[in-house]
Amino acid sequence: MRLPKSGKTLFLGLGFLLSSCRNSHPPAIEICIGDGFGGADCIEADGTQRYRAPSELKNYWMTNQPDMQNFSSWCYDTSPQITGRFMDRISMATGR
């Protein structure tokens, strides 16, 4: 019985988080692109570039590019094409 209640709480919490996406400016976040060997090239919230070893990525959330593009375009209320251009800029900044 505890698992369904926890799932509902998580779903409700995510709903509040996602519904507030367009109502405020998001905080600066670290963005990482996996290197294919378990590590990732990252740009930290302050703009610093950093490589994270696989051991540093425990509990990191990751997704694929098309899903992130769709989510970001929804979140920032823009088109997927505009979001894709900014994602390409991030990718070029990390050398990917």
N, C-alpha and C. Protein backbone atom coordinates (compact mmCIF):
# COMPACT_ATOMS: atom_id res chain seq x y z
N MET A 1 0.81 -1.19 0.00
CA MET A 1 0.00 0.00 0.00
C MET A 1 0.86 1.26 0.00
N ARG A 2 2.02 1.21 0.60
CA ARG A 2 2.89 2.39 0.68
C ARG A 2 3.41 2.78 -0.70
N LEU A 3 3.74 1.83 -1.54
CA LEU A 3 4.28 2.13 -2.86
C LEU A 3 3.31 2.94 -3.71
N PRO A 4 2.03 2.56 -3.84
CA PRO A 4 1.12 3.39 -4.63
C PRO A 4 0.98 4.80 -4.06
N LYS A 5 0.96 4.94 -2.74
CA LYS A 5 0.84 6.27 -2.13
C LYS A 5 2.08 7.10 -2.46
N SER A 6 3.27 6.50 -2.40
CA SER A 6 4.50 7.21 -2.74
C SER A 6 4.49 7.61 -4.20
N GLY A 7 4.01 6.73 -5.07
CA GLY A 7 3.94 7.03 -6.50
C GLY A 7 3.00 8.19 -6.77
N LYS A 8 1.86 8.22 -6.07
CA LYS A 8 0.92 9.32 -6.25
C LYS A 8 1.53 10.63 -5.76
N THR A 9 2.25 10.57 -4.65
CA THR A 9 2.89 11.77 -4.12
C THR A 9 3.95 12.28 -5.09
N LEU A 10 4.75 11.38 -5.64
CA LEU A 10 5.77 11.76 -6.61
C LEU A 10 5.12 12.37 -7.85
N PHE A 11 4.07 11.74 -8.34
CA PHE A 11 3.36 12.24 -9.53
C PHE A 11 2.80 13.63 -9.26
N LEU A 12 2.21 13.83 -8.10
CA LEU A 12 1.65 15.13 -7.75
C LEU A 12 2.75 16.18 -7.64
N GLY A 13 3.87 15.81 -7.01
CA GLY A 13 5.00 16.73 -6.88
C GLY A 13 5.57 17.12 -8.23
N LEU A 14 5.72 16.15 -9.13
CA LEU A 14 6.21 16.45 -10.47
C LEU A 14 5.22 17.33 -11.22
N GLY A 15 3.95 17.10 -11.01
CA GLY A 15 2.93 17.92 -11.65
C GLY A 15 3.05 19.38 -11.24
N PHE A 16 3.26 19.62 -9.95
CA PHE A 16 3.45 21.00 -9.48
C PHE A 16 4.72 21.60 -10.06
N LEU A 17 5.78 20.81 -10.08
CA LEU A 17 7.06 21.29 -10.61
C LEU A 17 6.92 21.64 -12.09
N LEU A 18 6.34 20.75 -12.86
CA LEU A 18 6.24 20.97 -14.29
C LEU A 18 5.25 22.07 -14.64
N SER A 19 4.19 22.19 -13.88
CA SER A 19 3.22 23.23 -14.19
C SER A 19 3.76 24.62 -13.89
N SER A 20 4.79 24.71 -13.05
CA SER A 20 5.35 26.02 -12.73
C SER A 20 6.47 26.41 -13.68
N CYS A 21 6.80 25.56 -14.64
CA CYS A 21 7.91 25.81 -15.54
C CYS A 21 7.82 27.16 -16.23
N ARG A 22 6.68 27.52 -16.72
CA ARG A 22 6.53 28.73 -17.52
C ARG A 22 6.26 29.98 -16.69
N ASN A 23 6.07 29.85 -15.41
CA ASN A 23 5.68 31.00 -14.59
C ASN A 23 6.85 31.71 -13.93
N SER A 24 8.05 31.20 -14.05
CA SER A 24 9.20 31.84 -13.43
C SER A 24 10.45 31.51 -14.22
N HIS A 25 11.52 32.22 -13.92
CA HIS A 25 12.78 31.92 -14.58
C HIS A 25 13.40 30.70 -13.92
N PRO A 26 13.86 29.75 -14.70
CA PRO A 26 14.44 28.55 -14.09
C PRO A 26 15.80 28.85 -13.49
N PRO A 27 16.19 28.08 -12.50
CA PRO A 27 17.54 28.27 -11.94
C PRO A 27 18.58 27.77 -12.93
N ALA A 28 19.78 28.28 -12.82
CA ALA A 28 20.89 27.77 -13.64
C ALA A 28 21.15 26.33 -13.23
N ILE A 29 21.37 25.48 -14.19
CA ILE A 29 21.61 24.06 -13.90
C ILE A 29 22.85 23.58 -14.63
N GLU A 30 23.37 22.47 -14.18
CA GLU A 30 24.47 21.80 -14.85
C GLU A 30 23.89 20.96 -15.98
N ILE A 31 24.53 21.01 -17.13
CA ILE A 31 24.09 20.23 -18.28
C ILE A 31 25.25 19.34 -18.70
N CYS A 32 24.99 18.04 -18.83
CA CYS A 32 26.04 17.09 -19.20
C CYS A 32 25.64 16.31 -20.44
N ILE A 33 26.64 15.97 -21.23
CA ILE A 33 26.45 15.13 -22.40
C ILE A 33 27.34 13.90 -22.21
N GLY A 34 26.72 12.71 -22.21
CA GLY A 34 27.46 11.48 -22.01
C GLY A 34 28.50 11.26 -23.10
N ASP A 35 29.64 10.71 -22.71
CA ASP A 35 30.72 10.49 -23.68
C ASP A 35 30.70 9.10 -24.31
N GLY A 36 29.76 8.26 -23.93
CA GLY A 36 29.67 6.92 -24.50
C GLY A 36 30.51 5.89 -23.78
N PHE A 37 31.28 6.33 -22.79
CA PHE A 37 32.12 5.42 -22.02
C PHE A 37 31.79 5.45 -20.54
N GLY A 38 30.66 6.09 -20.18
CA GLY A 38 30.23 6.16 -18.79
C GLY A 38 30.44 7.50 -18.14
N GLY A 39 31.29 8.35 -18.72
CA GLY A 39 31.52 9.69 -18.18
C GLY A 39 30.70 10.71 -18.93
N ALA A 40 30.91 11.98 -18.63
CA ALA A 40 30.14 13.03 -19.30
C ALA A 40 30.91 14.34 -19.30
N ASP A 41 30.76 15.08 -20.40
CA ASP A 41 31.26 16.45 -20.49
C ASP A 41 30.15 17.35 -19.99
N CYS A 42 30.46 18.21 -19.02
CA CYS A 42 29.43 19.02 -18.38
C CYS A 42 29.77 20.50 -18.44
N ILE A 43 28.71 21.30 -18.44
CA ILE A 43 28.83 22.74 -18.22
C ILE A 43 28.09 23.00 -16.93
N GLU A 44 28.82 23.45 -15.91
CA GLU A 44 28.22 23.70 -14.61
C GLU A 44 27.35 24.94 -14.65
N ALA A 45 26.57 25.15 -13.61
CA ALA A 45 25.63 26.27 -13.55
C ALA A 45 26.31 27.62 -13.74
N ASP A 46 27.58 27.73 -13.33
CA ASP A 46 28.29 29.00 -13.48
C ASP A 46 29.00 29.12 -14.83
N GLY A 47 28.82 28.12 -15.72
CA GLY A 47 29.43 28.16 -17.05
C GLY A 47 30.76 27.45 -17.16
N THR A 48 31.28 26.93 -16.06
CA THR A 48 32.55 26.20 -16.05
C THR A 48 32.39 24.86 -16.74
N GLN A 49 33.32 24.53 -17.63
CA GLN A 49 33.29 23.21 -18.27
C GLN A 49 34.03 22.22 -17.39
N ARG A 50 33.48 21.00 -17.31
CA ARG A 50 34.05 19.99 -16.42
C ARG A 50 33.74 18.61 -16.97
N TYR A 51 34.71 17.70 -16.87
CA TYR A 51 34.47 16.29 -17.21
C TYR A 51 34.10 15.57 -15.92
N ARG A 52 33.04 14.79 -15.96
CA ARG A 52 32.64 13.98 -14.81
C ARG A 52 32.90 12.51 -15.13
N ALA A 53 33.65 11.88 -14.24
CA ALA A 53 33.94 10.45 -14.39
C ALA A 53 32.67 9.65 -14.10
N PRO A 54 32.61 8.40 -14.56
CA PRO A 54 31.42 7.59 -14.30
C PRO A 54 31.05 7.52 -12.82
N SER A 55 32.03 7.48 -11.94
CA SER A 55 31.74 7.40 -10.50
C SER A 55 31.07 8.67 -9.97
N GLU A 56 31.21 9.78 -10.67
CA GLU A 56 30.58 11.03 -10.24
C GLU A 56 29.15 11.17 -10.73
N LEU A 57 28.72 10.27 -11.60
CA LEU A 57 27.40 10.38 -12.21
C LEU A 57 26.33 9.54 -11.52
N LYS A 58 26.66 8.96 -10.38
CA LYS A 58 25.66 8.20 -9.65
C LYS A 58 24.51 9.12 -9.26
N ASN A 59 23.31 8.68 -9.52
CA ASN A 59 22.08 9.42 -9.22
C ASN A 59 21.86 10.64 -10.12
N TYR A 60 22.60 10.78 -11.21
CA TYR A 60 22.32 11.85 -12.17
C TYR A 60 21.13 11.44 -13.02
N TRP A 61 20.32 12.40 -13.39
CA TRP A 61 19.21 12.14 -14.30
C TRP A 61 19.71 12.40 -15.71
N MET A 62 19.40 11.50 -16.61
CA MET A 62 19.81 11.67 -18.00
C MET A 62 18.63 11.33 -18.91
N THR A 63 18.62 11.94 -20.08
CA THR A 63 17.59 11.63 -21.07
C THR A 63 18.21 11.75 -22.45
N ASN A 64 17.46 11.39 -23.46
CA ASN A 64 17.98 11.50 -24.82
C ASN A 64 17.68 12.89 -25.38
N GLN A 65 18.35 13.24 -26.46
CA GLN A 65 18.23 14.57 -27.04
C GLN A 65 16.82 14.90 -27.53
N PRO A 66 16.15 14.00 -28.27
CA PRO A 66 14.80 14.35 -28.74
C PRO A 66 13.81 14.59 -27.60
N ASP A 67 13.88 13.78 -26.55
CA ASP A 67 12.98 13.98 -25.42
C ASP A 67 13.28 15.29 -24.70
N MET A 68 14.57 15.61 -24.54
CA MET A 68 14.94 16.87 -23.88
C MET A 68 14.50 18.06 -24.72
N GLN A 69 14.63 17.94 -26.03
CA GLN A 69 14.20 19.01 -26.92
C GLN A 69 12.70 19.25 -26.80
N ASN A 70 11.93 18.18 -26.79
CA ASN A 70 10.47 18.31 -26.65
C ASN A 70 10.08 18.89 -25.30
N PHE A 71 10.72 18.41 -24.23
CA PHE A 71 10.41 18.92 -22.90
C PHE A 71 10.79 20.40 -22.78
N SER A 72 11.97 20.75 -23.24
CA SER A 72 12.43 22.13 -23.14
C SER A 72 11.55 23.08 -23.95
N SER A 73 11.13 22.65 -25.12
CA SER A 73 10.28 23.53 -25.93
C SER A 73 8.93 23.75 -25.24
N TRP A 74 8.42 22.72 -24.59
CA TRP A 74 7.18 22.87 -23.83
C TRP A 74 7.41 23.79 -22.63
N CYS A 75 8.48 23.53 -21.90
CA CYS A 75 8.76 24.25 -20.66
C CYS A 75 8.96 25.73 -20.91
N TYR A 76 9.69 26.07 -21.95
CA TYR A 76 9.99 27.47 -22.23
C TYR A 76 9.02 28.09 -23.23
N ASP A 77 7.98 27.34 -23.60
CA ASP A 77 6.94 27.83 -24.49
C ASP A 77 7.52 28.36 -25.80
N THR A 78 8.32 27.53 -26.43
CA THR A 78 8.94 27.88 -27.70
C THR A 78 8.85 26.68 -28.64
N SER A 79 9.33 26.83 -29.84
CA SER A 79 9.25 25.72 -30.80
C SER A 79 10.41 24.74 -30.60
N PRO A 80 10.22 23.49 -30.98
CA PRO A 80 11.32 22.52 -30.90
C PRO A 80 12.52 22.94 -31.74
N GLN A 81 12.30 23.66 -32.83
CA GLN A 81 13.41 24.10 -33.68
C GLN A 81 14.31 25.10 -32.94
N ILE A 82 13.70 26.04 -32.24
CA ILE A 82 14.49 27.02 -31.47
C ILE A 82 15.23 26.31 -30.34
N THR A 83 14.55 25.43 -29.65
CA THR A 83 15.19 24.68 -28.58
C THR A 83 16.36 23.87 -29.13
N GLY A 84 16.17 23.25 -30.29
CA GLY A 84 17.23 22.46 -30.91
C GLY A 84 18.46 23.28 -31.22
N ARG A 85 18.27 24.52 -31.65
CA ARG A 85 19.42 25.39 -31.93
C ARG A 85 20.23 25.67 -30.67
N PHE A 86 19.53 25.92 -29.55
CA PHE A 86 20.24 26.16 -28.30
C PHE A 86 20.93 24.89 -27.80
N MET A 87 20.30 23.76 -28.01
CA MET A 87 20.93 22.49 -27.61
C MET A 87 22.19 22.25 -28.44
N ASP A 88 22.16 22.62 -29.72
CA ASP A 88 23.35 22.49 -30.56
C ASP A 88 24.49 23.39 -30.05
N ARG A 89 24.13 24.58 -29.58
CA ARG A 89 25.14 25.49 -29.04
C ARG A 89 25.80 24.89 -27.79
N ILE A 90 25.00 24.25 -26.95
CA ILE A 90 25.55 23.60 -25.75
C ILE A 90 26.47 22.45 -26.18
N SER A 91 26.04 21.70 -27.17
CA SER A 91 26.85 20.58 -27.65
C SER A 91 28.18 21.06 -28.21
N MET A 92 28.18 22.16 -28.96
CA MET A 92 29.41 22.71 -29.52
C MET A 92 30.33 23.22 -28.43
N ALA A 93 29.76 23.79 -27.37
CA ALA A 93 30.55 24.33 -26.26
C ALA A 93 31.31 23.23 -25.53
N THR A 94 30.75 22.02 -25.52
CA THR A 94 31.42 20.91 -24.83
C THR A 94 32.28 20.10 -25.79
N GLY A 95 32.28 20.46 -27.06
CA GLY A 95 33.12 19.74 -28.03
C GLY A 95 32.50 18.45 -28.53
N ARG A 96 31.21 18.29 -28.39
CA ARG A 96 30.52 17.08 -28.83
C ARG A 96 29.87 17.27 -30.15
